[in-house]
Amino acid sequence: MPRQARLDIPGALHHIMVRGINKSTIFEDDQDRVQFLNRLGGNVIDARASVYAWVLMTNHAHILFKSGKQGISAVMRRQLTWYAQYFNRRHGRSGHLFENRYKSILCDEENYLLALIRYIHLNPIRGGIVETVEELNRYPWCGHSAMVGKRECPWMDVDYVLLQVNAQKRRAQNAYRRFVGEGISMGHQPELTGGGLIRSKGGWSQVLSARRSGQEEEYDERILGSGDFVSAALKEAEEKTRLQLKFRQTGRTFTKIIEQECGAADISPHELKGGSRRRIVSRVRIKIAKRGLDEFGLSLAEIARHVGVSTSGIARAIKR
């Protein structure tokens, strides 16, 4: 059976898994890891994506991010092509470095975001690289250390994640540490590494129970979420494709939307981008942010750069 196309919905949460071909090593040493991360940071910023979690293991890597308006391929194609060439050149090898296709699972952010972040960041403990959360706090090849404030990772959207835990940053970091620690005993969680009905419902026992009671749910191997989420995601994928084509044909841009909304409210784009806190400016900023999410699939970080406030400020405004 031919493989299904990836669901590359701009602005959606994707769990990316990259593996070496035949389980071969893709990071020989720290220099390889530094090069991979430097390139990833640049590609993420260029693609206006938001990274929430990541980890580099010896023969595989996980990245959890919300794609920008160009989708996940804008990041992954450039990232993996460049890194394979760099790695082969440096280590005197030839041929494929990665499996033919990286794995990409579209995820229900509302129900799975924090669980996925914890699962990804606990990889070094499950793999025996570090033994405790205290060691993980300072482990450099995992996004967890940035989440708890032990190192800087400017292309990772730490503020957005912590805001899901607590509005006060220090309290959020403490709660996040406890949350991660509680996940150690859970071990490997296959439901968080792929889509499909079995994983989305939490195992075969739940699937069989639902079938006995006459419940049927739509499912898709490319999606991690409930039947309702799967249905909505598939419809959105089709709609996003249509909208993106329409925007390209009509020449609409996010800048034009900013000008349109500012003009309607009789305020200047300069005041909007200058961080003004006037009530009417704040209202227009929220309206623009929602249109950026809904119509263009932009990341919160990209919207924030356009409207003159921080990423966490945009997240709080939309959440309210």
C-alpha atoms as a PDB file:
ATOM      1  CA  MET A   1       0.000   0.000   0.000  1.00  0.00           C
ATOM      2  CA  PRO A   2       1.481   3.411  -0.920  1.00  0.00           C
ATOM      3  CA  ARG A   3       2.328   5.727   1.949  1.00  0.00           C
ATOM      4  CA  GLN A   4      -0.062   8.557   2.668  1.00  0.00           C
ATOM      5  CA  ALA A   5       1.060  12.128   2.149  1.00  0.00           C
ATOM      6  CA  ARG A   6       2.089  14.035   5.257  1.00  0.00           C
ATOM      7  CA  LEU A   7      -0.499  16.296   6.842  1.00  0.00           C
ATOM      8  CA  ASP A   8       1.469  19.516   6.621  1.00  0.00           C
ATOM      9  CA  ILE A   9      -1.009  21.970   8.140  1.00  0.00           C
ATOM     10  CA  PRO A  10       0.568  25.401   8.752  1.00  0.00           C
ATOM     11  CA  GLY A  11       0.196  26.506  12.350  1.00  0.00           C
ATOM     12  CA  ALA A  12      -0.428  22.967  13.651  1.00  0.00           C
ATOM     13  CA  LEU A  13       1.515  20.989  16.259  1.00  0.00           C
ATOM     14  CA  HIS A  14       3.788  18.301  14.783  1.00  0.00           C
ATOM     15  CA  HIS A  15       5.866  15.613  16.502  1.00  0.00           C
ATOM     16  CA  ILE A  16       8.841  14.966  14.237  1.00  0.00           C
ATOM     17  CA  MET A  17      10.983  11.837  14.633  1.00  0.00           C
ATOM     18  CA  VAL A  18      14.223  11.521  12.653  1.00  0.00           C
ATOM     19  CA  ARG A  19      16.181   8.240  12.640  1.00  0.00           C
ATOM     20  CA  GLY A  20      19.443   7.054  11.159  1.00  0.00           C
ATOM     21  CA  ILE A  21      19.099   4.547   8.332  1.00  0.00           C
ATOM     22  CA  ASN A  22      19.229   0.997   9.736  1.00  0.00           C
ATOM     23  CA  LYS A  23      19.488   2.585  13.194  1.00  0.00           C
ATOM     24  CA  SER A  24      22.914   3.994  12.349  1.00  0.00           C
ATOM     25  CA  THR A  25      24.523   6.799  14.365  1.00  0.00           C
ATOM     26  CA  ILE A  26      23.664  10.324  13.243  1.00  0.00           C
ATOM     27  CA  PHE A  27      25.609  12.199  15.960  1.00  0.00           C
ATOM     28  CA  GLU A  28      29.188  11.032  16.465  1.00  0.00           C
ATOM     29  CA  ASP A  29      30.200  13.760  18.913  1.00  0.00           C
ATOM     30  CA  ASP A  30      29.295  17.137  20.389  1.00  0.00           C
ATOM     31  CA  GLN A  31      30.486  19.004  17.294  1.00  0.00           C
ATOM     32  CA  ASP A  32      27.848  17.194  15.235  1.00  0.00           C
ATOM     33  CA  ARG A  33      25.199  18.089  17.791  1.00  0.00           C
ATOM     34  CA  VAL A  34      26.226  21.747  17.853  1.00  0.00           C
ATOM     35  CA  GLN A  35      26.123  21.950  14.060  1.00  0.00           C
ATOM     36  CA  PHE A  36      22.703  20.294  13.909  1.00  0.00           C
ATOM     37  CA  LEU A  37      21.241  22.653  16.523  1.00  0.00           C
ATOM     38  CA  ASN A  38      22.763  25.798  15.023  1.00  0.00           C
ATOM     39  CA  ARG A  39      21.283  24.939  11.664  1.00  0.00           C
ATOM     40  CA  LEU A  40      17.942  23.965  13.197  1.00  0.00           C
ATOM     41  CA  GLY A  41      17.712  27.282  15.024  1.00  0.00           C
ATOM     42  CA  GLY A  42      18.288  29.223  11.830  1.00  0.00           C
ATOM     43  CA  ASN A  43      15.786  27.150   9.859  1.00  0.00           C
ATOM     44  CA  VAL A  44      13.141  27.451  12.584  1.00  0.00           C
ATOM     45  CA  ILE A  45      13.503  31.239  12.689  1.00  0.00           C
ATOM     46  CA  ASP A  46      13.460  31.531   8.890  1.00  0.00           C
ATOM     47  CA  ALA A  47      10.337  29.363   8.670  1.00  0.00           C
ATOM     48  CA  ARG A  48       8.688  31.275  11.539  1.00  0.00           C
ATOM     49  CA  ALA A  49       7.990  28.073  13.453  1.00  0.00           C
ATOM     50  CA  SER A  50       7.725  27.599  17.235  1.00  0.00           C
ATOM     51  CA  VAL A  51       9.709  24.778  18.867  1.00  0.00           C
ATOM     52  CA  TYR A  52       8.361  23.452  22.188  1.00  0.00           C
ATOM     53  CA  ALA A  53      10.582  20.413  22.807  1.00  0.00           C
ATOM     54  CA  TRP A  54      13.572  18.629  21.286  1.00  0.00           C
ATOM     55  CA  VAL A  55      16.186  16.008  22.083  1.00  0.00           C
ATOM     56  CA  LEU A  56      19.214  14.623  20.253  1.00  0.00           C
ATOM     57  CA  MET A  57      20.012  10.959  20.887  1.00  0.00           C
ATOM     58  CA  THR A  58      22.782   8.909  19.259  1.00  0.00           C
ATOM     59  CA  ASN A  59      20.806   7.522  16.321  1.00  0.00           C
ATOM     60  CA  HIS A  60      17.618   9.581  16.384  1.00  0.00           C
ATOM     61  CA  ALA A  61      16.105  12.945  17.297  1.00  0.00           C
ATOM     62  CA  HIS A  62      12.700  14.279  18.319  1.00  0.00           C
ATOM     63  CA  ILE A  63      11.380  17.776  17.609  1.00  0.00           C
ATOM     64  CA  LEU A  64       7.977  19.102  18.674  1.00  0.00           C
ATOM     65  CA  PHE A  65       6.991  22.286  16.952  1.00  0.00           C
ATOM     66  CA  LYS A  66       4.183  24.346  15.562  1.00  0.00           C
ATOM     67  CA  SER A  67       4.881  25.073  11.932  1.00  0.00           C
ATOM     68  CA  GLY A  68       4.772  28.486  10.321  1.00  0.00           C
ATOM     69  CA  LYS A  69       2.795  29.352   7.223  1.00  0.00           C
ATOM     70  CA  GLN A  70       5.192  27.372   5.004  1.00  0.00           C
ATOM     71  CA  GLY A  71       4.554  24.126   6.919  1.00  0.00           C
ATOM     72  CA  ILE A  72       6.947  21.534   8.343  1.00  0.00           C
ATOM     73  CA  SER A  73       8.662  20.747   5.048  1.00  0.00           C
ATOM     74  CA  ALA A  74      10.155  24.246   4.949  1.00  0.00           C
ATOM     75  CA  VAL A  75      12.191  23.346   8.034  1.00  0.00           C
ATOM     76  CA  MET A  76      12.849  19.627   7.663  1.00  0.00           C
ATOM     77  CA  ARG A  77      13.866  19.491   4.026  1.00  0.00           C
ATOM     78  CA  ARG A  78      16.545  22.157   4.480  1.00  0.00           C
ATOM     79  CA  GLN A  79      17.620  20.751   7.851  1.00  0.00           C
ATOM     80  CA  LEU A  80      18.103  17.115   6.900  1.00  0.00           C
ATOM     81  CA  THR A  81      19.551  17.699   3.437  1.00  0.00           C
ATOM     82  CA  TRP A  82      22.199  20.059   4.790  1.00  0.00           C
ATOM     83  CA  TYR A  83      23.044  17.913   7.810  1.00  0.00           C
ATOM     84  CA  ALA A  84      23.429  14.703   5.796  1.00  0.00           C
ATOM     85  CA  GLN A  85      25.871  16.451   3.465  1.00  0.00           C
ATOM     86  CA  TYR A  86      27.781  17.929   6.416  1.00  0.00           C
ATOM     87  CA  PHE A  87      27.922  14.608   8.295  1.00  0.00           C
ATOM     88  CA  ASN A  88      29.053  12.570   5.279  1.00  0.00           C
ATOM     89  CA  ARG A  89      31.708  15.114   4.403  1.00  0.00           C
ATOM     90  CA  ARG A  90      33.067  15.353   7.936  1.00  0.00           C
ATOM     91  CA  HIS A  91      33.091  11.607   8.630  1.00  0.00           C
ATOM     92  CA  GLY A  92      34.170  10.423   5.190  1.00  0.00           C
ATOM     93  CA  ARG A  93      31.043   8.449   4.408  1.00  0.00           C
ATOM     94  CA  SER A  94      28.578   8.358   1.502  1.00  0.00           C
ATOM     95  CA  GLY A  95      24.987   7.373   0.898  1.00  0.00           C
ATOM     96  CA  HIS A  96      21.828   7.986   2.878  1.00  0.00           C
ATOM     97  CA  LEU A  97      22.147   9.055   6.503  1.00  0.00           C
ATOM     98  CA  PHE A  98      18.471   9.112   7.478  1.00  0.00           C
ATOM     99  CA  GLU A  99      15.564   6.790   6.891  1.00  0.00           C
ATOM    100  CA  ASN A 100      13.803   7.637   3.649  1.00  0.00           C
ATOM    101  CA  ARG A 101      11.107   9.644   5.364  1.00  0.00           C
ATOM    102  CA  TYR A 102      11.155  11.332   8.726  1.00  0.00           C
ATOM    103  CA  LYS A 103       8.060  10.547  10.761  1.00  0.00           C
ATOM    104  CA  SER A 104       5.609  13.381  11.309  1.00  0.00           C
ATOM    105  CA  ILE A 105       2.542  13.098  13.522  1.00  0.00           C
ATOM    106  CA  LEU A 106      -0.039  15.881  13.652  1.00  0.00           C
ATOM    107  CA  CYS A 107      -1.018  16.259  17.324  1.00  0.00           C
ATOM    108  CA  ASP A 108      -3.952  17.588  19.298  1.00  0.00           C
ATOM    109  CA  GLU A 109      -2.195  20.452  21.083  1.00  0.00           C
ATOM    110  CA  GLU A 110      -4.925  21.016  23.676  1.00  0.00           C
ATOM    111  CA  ASN A 111      -4.780  17.453  24.998  1.00  0.00           C
ATOM    112  CA  TYR A 112      -1.225  16.329  24.227  1.00  0.00           C
ATOM    113  CA  LEU A 113       1.155  19.318  24.321  1.00  0.00           C
ATOM    114  CA  LEU A 114       2.539  18.924  27.850  1.00  0.00           C
ATOM    115  CA  ALA A 115       2.544  15.120  27.727  1.00  0.00           C
ATOM    116  CA  LEU A 116       4.547  15.181  24.496  1.00  0.00           C
ATOM    117  CA  ILE A 117       7.038  17.704  25.866  1.00  0.00           C
ATOM    118  CA  ARG A 118       7.607  15.552  28.937  1.00  0.00           C
ATOM    119  CA  TYR A 119       7.940  12.362  26.889  1.00  0.00           C
ATOM    120  CA  ILE A 120      10.458  13.918  24.496  1.00  0.00           C
ATOM    121  CA  HIS A 121      12.533  15.528  27.234  1.00  0.00           C
ATOM    122  CA  LEU A 122      12.722  12.286  29.250  1.00  0.00           C
ATOM    123  CA  ASN A 123      14.464  10.438  26.399  1.00  0.00           C
ATOM    124  CA  PRO A 124      17.960  10.853  27.940  1.00  0.00           C
ATOM    125  CA  ILE A 125      16.752   9.239  31.190  1.00  0.00           C
ATOM    126  CA  ARG A 126      14.966   6.369  29.417  1.00  0.00           C
ATOM    127  CA  GLY A 127      18.100   5.875  27.311  1.00  0.00           C
ATOM    128  CA  GLY A 128      20.375   5.754  30.358  1.00  0.00           C
ATOM    129  CA  ILE A 129      22.386   8.835  29.359  1.00  0.00           C
ATOM    130  CA  VAL A 130      21.480  10.633  32.593  1.00  0.00           C
ATOM    131  CA  GLU A 131      19.911   9.156  35.702  1.00  0.00           C
ATOM    132  CA  THR A 132      17.946  11.926  37.405  1.00  0.00           C
ATOM    133  CA  VAL A 133      15.917  15.033  36.627  1.00  0.00           C
ATOM    134  CA  GLU A 134      18.651  17.060  38.368  1.00  0.00           C
ATOM    135  CA  GLU A 135      21.169  15.786  35.793  1.00  0.00           C
ATOM    136  CA  LEU A 136      18.651  16.360  33.020  1.00  0.00           C
ATOM    137  CA  ASN A 137      18.327  20.003  34.147  1.00  0.00           C
ATOM    138  CA  ARG A 138      21.877  20.601  32.893  1.00  0.00           C
ATOM    139  CA  TYR A 139      22.013  18.141  30.007  1.00  0.00           C
ATOM    140  CA  PRO A 140      22.853  20.259  26.918  1.00  0.00           C
ATOM    141  CA  TRP A 141      21.359  18.101  24.160  1.00  0.00           C
ATOM    142  CA  CYS A 142      17.730  18.347  25.250  1.00  0.00           C
ATOM    143  CA  GLY A 143      15.291  21.274  25.433  1.00  0.00           C
ATOM    144  CA  HIS A 144      14.520  20.523  29.083  1.00  0.00           C
ATOM    145  CA  SER A 145      17.508  22.548  30.299  1.00  0.00           C
ATOM    146  CA  ALA A 146      16.175  25.656  28.528  1.00  0.00           C
ATOM    147  CA  MET A 147      12.714  25.058  29.968  1.00  0.00           C
ATOM    148  CA  VAL A 148      14.043  25.176  33.543  1.00  0.00           C
ATOM    149  CA  GLY A 149      16.265  28.203  32.866  1.00  0.00           C
ATOM    150  CA  LYS A 150      19.675  26.485  32.982  1.00  0.00           C
ATOM    151  CA  ARG A 151      20.682  27.467  29.438  1.00  0.00           C
ATOM    152  CA  GLU A 152      19.565  29.744  26.612  1.00  0.00           C
ATOM    153  CA  CYS A 153      17.845  28.438  23.492  1.00  0.00           C
ATOM    154  CA  PRO A 154      16.577  31.545  21.666  1.00  0.00           C
ATOM    155  CA  TRP A 155      14.740  29.642  18.930  1.00  0.00           C
ATOM    156  CA  MET A 156      12.726  27.590  21.455  1.00  0.00           C
ATOM    157  CA  ASP A 157       9.380  29.033  22.621  1.00  0.00           C
ATOM    158  CA  VAL A 158       9.845  28.431  26.346  1.00  0.00           C
ATOM    159  CA  ASP A 159       7.471  31.202  27.448  1.00  0.00           C
ATOM    160  CA  TYR A 160       4.500  29.716  25.610  1.00  0.00           C
ATOM    161  CA  VAL A 161       4.983  26.305  27.226  1.00  0.00           C
ATOM    162  CA  LEU A 162       5.454  27.669  30.739  1.00  0.00           C
ATOM    163  CA  LEU A 163       2.342  29.788  30.317  1.00  0.00           C
ATOM    164  CA  GLN A 164       0.329  26.577  29.960  1.00  0.00           C
ATOM    165  CA  VAL A 165       1.501  25.623  33.451  1.00  0.00           C
ATOM    166  CA  ASN A 166       1.344  28.896  35.392  1.00  0.00           C
ATOM    167  CA  ALA A 167       1.234  32.608  34.566  1.00  0.00           C
ATOM    168  CA  GLN A 168       4.165  33.247  36.959  1.00  0.00           C
ATOM    169  CA  LYS A 169       7.392  32.022  35.367  1.00  0.00           C
ATOM    170  CA  ARG A 170       9.204  30.758  38.476  1.00  0.00           C
ATOM    171  CA  ARG A 171       6.142  28.854  39.662  1.00  0.00           C
ATOM    172  CA  ALA A 172       5.659  27.460  36.189  1.00  0.00           C
ATOM    173  CA  GLN A 173       9.248  26.189  36.077  1.00  0.00           C
ATOM    174  CA  ASN A 174       8.902  24.506  39.468  1.00  0.00           C
ATOM    175  CA  ALA A 175       5.620  22.876  38.467  1.00  0.00           C
ATOM    176  CA  TYR A 176       7.133  21.784  35.166  1.00  0.00           C
ATOM    177  CA  ARG A 177      10.069  20.116  36.991  1.00  0.00           C
ATOM    178  CA  ARG A 178       7.647  18.160  39.182  1.00  0.00           C
ATOM    179  CA  PHE A 179       5.574  17.198  36.149  1.00  0.00           C
ATOM    180  CA  VAL A 180       8.635  15.839  34.344  1.00  0.00           C
ATOM    181  CA  GLY A 181       9.765  13.933  37.439  1.00  0.00           C
ATOM    182  CA  GLU A 182       6.364  12.271  37.712  1.00  0.00           C
ATOM    183  CA  GLY A 183       6.764  10.960  34.168  1.00  0.00           C
ATOM    184  CA  ILE A 184       9.898   8.895  34.821  1.00  0.00           C
ATOM    185  CA  SER A 185       7.948   5.908  36.136  1.00  0.00           C
ATOM    186  CA  MET A 186       5.727   5.873  33.024  1.00  0.00           C
ATOM    187  CA  GLY A 187       8.560   4.525  30.871  1.00  0.00           C
ATOM    188  CA  HIS A 188       8.074   4.210  27.123  1.00  0.00           C
ATOM    189  CA  GLN A 189       4.670   5.502  25.991  1.00  0.00           C
ATOM    190  CA  PRO A 190       3.970   4.231  22.456  1.00  0.00           C
ATOM    191  CA  GLU A 191       0.759   6.256  22.285  1.00  0.00           C
ATOM    192  CA  LEU A 192       2.917   9.403  22.125  1.00  0.00           C
ATOM    193  CA  THR A 193       5.126   8.299  19.247  1.00  0.00           C
ATOM    194  CA  GLY A 194       2.508   7.901  16.563  1.00  0.00           C
ATOM    195  CA  GLY A 195      -1.065   8.341  15.471  1.00  0.00           C
ATOM    196  CA  GLY A 196      -3.848   5.913  14.731  1.00  0.00           C
ATOM    197  CA  LEU A 197      -6.889   4.699  16.610  1.00  0.00           C
ATOM    198  CA  ILE A 198      -5.061   2.421  19.050  1.00  0.00           C
ATOM    199  CA  ARG A 199      -2.633   5.099  20.196  1.00  0.00           C
ATOM    200  CA  SER A 200      -5.205   7.884  20.273  1.00  0.00           C
ATOM    201  CA  LYS A 201      -7.541   5.875  22.487  1.00  0.00           C
ATOM    202  CA  GLY A 202      -4.726   4.668  24.730  1.00  0.00           C
ATOM    203  CA  GLY A 203      -4.445   0.993  23.762  1.00  0.00           C
ATOM    204  CA  TRP A 204      -6.308  -2.020  22.402  1.00  0.00           C
ATOM    205  CA  SER A 205      -8.381  -2.482  25.558  1.00  0.00           C
ATOM    206  CA  GLN A 206      -9.967   0.941  25.071  1.00  0.00           C
ATOM    207  CA  VAL A 207     -10.520   0.283  21.375  1.00  0.00           C
ATOM    208  CA  LEU A 208     -12.238  -3.064  22.019  1.00  0.00           C
ATOM    209  CA  SER A 209     -14.331  -1.560  24.810  1.00  0.00           C
ATOM    210  CA  ALA A 210     -15.530   1.191  22.474  1.00  0.00           C
ATOM    211  CA  ARG A 211     -16.350  -1.332  19.768  1.00  0.00           C
ATOM    212  CA  ARG A 212     -18.390  -3.479  22.164  1.00  0.00           C
ATOM    213  CA  SER A 213     -20.460  -0.452  23.102  1.00  0.00           C
ATOM    214  CA  GLY A 214     -21.047   0.374  19.454  1.00  0.00           C
ATOM    215  CA  GLN A 215     -18.820   3.466  19.341  1.00  0.00           C
ATOM    216  CA  GLU A 216     -16.982   4.238  16.137  1.00  0.00           C
ATOM    217  CA  GLU A 217     -14.295   6.875  15.679  1.00  0.00           C
ATOM    218  CA  GLU A 218     -12.522   8.189  12.656  1.00  0.00           C
ATOM    219  CA  TYR A 219      -8.768   7.678  12.844  1.00  0.00           C
ATOM    220  CA  ASP A 220      -5.654   8.294  10.803  1.00  0.00           C
ATOM    221  CA  GLU A 221      -2.109   6.986  11.341  1.00  0.00           C
ATOM    222  CA  ARG A 222      -0.773  10.500  10.727  1.00  0.00           C
ATOM    223  CA  ILE A 223      -2.759  12.075  13.577  1.00  0.00           C
ATOM    224  CA  LEU A 224      -2.618  11.812  17.374  1.00  0.00           C
ATOM    225  CA  GLY A 225      -6.010  12.787  18.771  1.00  0.00           C
ATOM    226  CA  SER A 226      -9.628  11.798  19.218  1.00  0.00           C
ATOM    227  CA  GLY A 227     -11.978  10.954  16.374  1.00  0.00           C
ATOM    228  CA  ASP A 228     -13.371  14.485  16.442  1.00  0.00           C
ATOM    229  CA  PHE A 229      -9.869  15.935  16.254  1.00  0.00           C
ATOM    230  CA  VAL A 230      -8.998  13.621  13.357  1.00  0.00           C
ATOM    231  CA  SER A 231     -12.094  14.720  11.436  1.00  0.00           C
ATOM    232  CA  ALA A 232     -11.376  18.384  12.083  1.00  0.00           C
ATOM    233  CA  ALA A 233      -7.695  18.028  11.156  1.00  0.00           C
ATOM    234  CA  LEU A 234      -8.462  16.324   7.855  1.00  0.00           C
ATOM    235  CA  LYS A 235     -10.979  19.015   6.964  1.00  0.00           C
ATOM    236  CA  GLU A 236      -8.549  21.747   7.977  1.00  0.00           C
ATOM    237  CA  ALA A 237      -5.789  20.223   5.867  1.00  0.00           C
ATOM    238  CA  GLU A 238      -8.021  20.477   2.831  1.00  0.00           C
ATOM    239  CA  GLU A 239      -9.183  23.987   3.736  1.00  0.00           C
ATOM    240  CA  LYS A 240      -5.645  25.246   4.483  1.00  0.00           C
ATOM    241  CA  THR A 241      -4.482  24.042   1.101  1.00  0.00           C
ATOM    242  CA  ARG A 242      -7.319  25.893  -0.579  1.00  0.00           C
ATOM    243  CA  LEU A 243      -6.709  29.079   1.424  1.00  0.00           C
ATOM    244  CA  GLN A 244      -2.966  29.103   0.799  1.00  0.00           C
ATOM    245  CA  LEU A 245      -3.589  28.811  -2.933  1.00  0.00           C
ATOM    246  CA  LYS A 246      -6.137  31.611  -2.735  1.00  0.00           C
ATOM    247  CA  PHE A 247      -3.742  33.901  -0.837  1.00  0.00           C
ATOM    248  CA  ARG A 248      -0.958  33.285  -3.359  1.00  0.00           C
ATOM    249  CA  GLN A 249      -3.311  34.014  -6.246  1.00  0.00           C
ATOM    250  CA  THR A 250      -4.691  37.230  -4.737  1.00  0.00           C
ATOM    251  CA  GLY A 251      -1.396  38.462  -3.285  1.00  0.00           C
ATOM    252  CA  ARG A 252      -2.793  38.841   0.232  1.00  0.00           C
ATOM    253  CA  THR A 253      -0.195  39.213   2.969  1.00  0.00           C
ATOM    254  CA  PHE A 254      -0.218  39.520   6.746  1.00  0.00           C
ATOM    255  CA  THR A 255       1.117  43.069   6.385  1.00  0.00           C
ATOM    256  CA  LYS A 256      -1.956  43.990   4.369  1.00  0.00           C
ATOM    257  CA  ILE A 257      -4.190  42.576   7.113  1.00  0.00           C
ATOM    258  CA  ILE A 258      -2.386  44.737   9.684  1.00  0.00           C
ATOM    259  CA  GLU A 259      -2.909  47.820   7.511  1.00  0.00           C
ATOM    260  CA  GLN A 260      -6.562  46.898   6.982  1.00  0.00           C
ATOM    261  CA  GLU A 261      -7.372  46.386  10.670  1.00  0.00           C
ATOM    262  CA  CYS A 262      -5.437  49.508  11.771  1.00  0.00           C
ATOM    263  CA  GLY A 263      -7.207  51.571   9.131  1.00  0.00           C
ATOM    264  CA  ALA A 264     -10.623  50.330  10.245  1.00  0.00           C
ATOM    265  CA  ALA A 265      -9.843  51.301  13.868  1.00  0.00           C
ATOM    266  CA  ASP A 266      -8.212  54.610  12.878  1.00  0.00           C
ATOM    267  CA  ILE A 267      -4.861  53.823  14.483  1.00  0.00           C
ATOM    268  CA  SER A 268      -1.432  53.775  12.881  1.00  0.00           C
ATOM    269  CA  PRO A 269       0.585  50.588  12.291  1.00  0.00           C
ATOM    270  CA  HIS A 270       3.493  52.443  13.925  1.00  0.00           C
ATOM    271  CA  GLU A 271       1.547  52.767  17.188  1.00  0.00           C
ATOM    272  CA  LEU A 272       0.549  49.102  17.016  1.00  0.00           C
ATOM    273  CA  LYS A 273       4.125  47.927  16.505  1.00  0.00           C
ATOM    274  CA  GLY A 274       5.428  50.347  19.125  1.00  0.00           C
ATOM    275  CA  GLY A 275       3.835  48.336  21.923  1.00  0.00           C
ATOM    276  CA  SER A 276       1.058  50.807  22.774  1.00  0.00           C
ATOM    277  CA  ARG A 277      -1.250  49.576  25.568  1.00  0.00           C
ATOM    278  CA  ARG A 278      -4.228  51.756  24.649  1.00  0.00           C
ATOM    279  CA  ARG A 279      -7.374  49.652  24.884  1.00  0.00           C
ATOM    280  CA  ILE A 280      -8.330  50.066  21.243  1.00  0.00           C
ATOM    281  CA  VAL A 281      -4.799  49.171  20.137  1.00  0.00           C
ATOM    282  CA  SER A 282      -4.868  46.034  22.288  1.00  0.00           C
ATOM    283  CA  ARG A 283      -8.186  45.006  20.778  1.00  0.00           C
ATOM    284  CA  VAL A 284      -6.890  45.470  17.247  1.00  0.00           C
ATOM    285  CA  ARG A 285      -3.726  43.543  18.152  1.00  0.00           C
ATOM    286  CA  ILE A 286      -5.800  40.559  19.343  1.00  0.00           C
ATOM    287  CA  LYS A 287      -7.946  40.664  16.228  1.00  0.00           C
ATOM    288  CA  ILE A 288      -4.870  40.722  13.999  1.00  0.00           C
ATOM    289  CA  ALA A 289      -3.293  37.886  15.997  1.00  0.00           C
ATOM    290  CA  LYS A 290      -6.364  35.686  15.581  1.00  0.00           C
ATOM    291  CA  ARG A 291      -6.440  36.348  11.851  1.00  0.00           C
ATOM    292  CA  GLY A 292      -2.753  35.498  11.656  1.00  0.00           C
ATOM    293  CA  LEU A 293      -3.459  32.163  13.324  1.00  0.00           C
ATOM    294  CA  ASP A 294      -6.650  31.336  11.468  1.00  0.00           C
ATOM    295  CA  GLU A 295      -5.888  32.580   7.967  1.00  0.00           C
ATOM    296  CA  PHE A 296      -2.132  32.201   7.644  1.00  0.00           C
ATOM    297  CA  GLY A 297      -1.189  29.609  10.259  1.00  0.00           C
ATOM    298  CA  LEU A 298       1.541  31.867  11.652  1.00  0.00           C
ATOM    299  CA  SER A 299       3.344  31.012  14.872  1.00  0.00           C
ATOM    300  CA  LEU A 300       2.778  33.158  17.956  1.00  0.00           C
ATOM    301  CA  ALA A 301       6.404  34.277  17.782  1.00  0.00           C
ATOM    302  CA  GLU A 302       5.972  35.531  14.211  1.00  0.00           C
ATOM    303  CA  ILE A 303       2.729  37.347  15.080  1.00  0.00           C
ATOM    304  CA  ALA A 304       4.437  38.935  18.072  1.00  0.00           C
ATOM    305  CA  ARG A 305       7.219  40.308  15.858  1.00  0.00           C
ATOM    306  CA  HIS A 306       4.621  41.968  13.630  1.00  0.00           C
ATOM    307  CA  VAL A 307       2.437  43.547  16.318  1.00  0.00           C
ATOM    308  CA  GLY A 308       4.963  44.822  18.851  1.00  0.00           C
ATOM    309  CA  VAL A 309       4.534  42.588  21.921  1.00  0.00           C
ATOM    310  CA  SER A 310       6.152  39.434  23.310  1.00  0.00           C
ATOM    311  CA  THR A 311       5.162  35.916  22.337  1.00  0.00           C
ATOM    312  CA  SER A 312       3.838  35.273  25.847  1.00  0.00           C
ATOM    313  CA  GLY A 313       1.821  38.499  25.644  1.00  0.00           C
ATOM    314  CA  ILE A 314       0.125  37.295  22.462  1.00  0.00           C
ATOM    315  CA  ALA A 315      -0.507  33.872  24.015  1.00  0.00           C
ATOM    316  CA  ARG A 316      -2.123  35.396  27.114  1.00  0.00           C
ATOM    317  CA  ALA A 317      -4.257  37.766  25.041  1.00  0.00           C
ATOM    318  CA  ILE A 318      -5.590  34.989  22.823  1.00  0.00           C
ATOM    319  CA  LYS A 319      -6.159  32.701  25.811  1.00  0.00           C
ATOM    320  CA  ARG A 320      -8.249  35.380  27.542  1.00  0.00           C
END
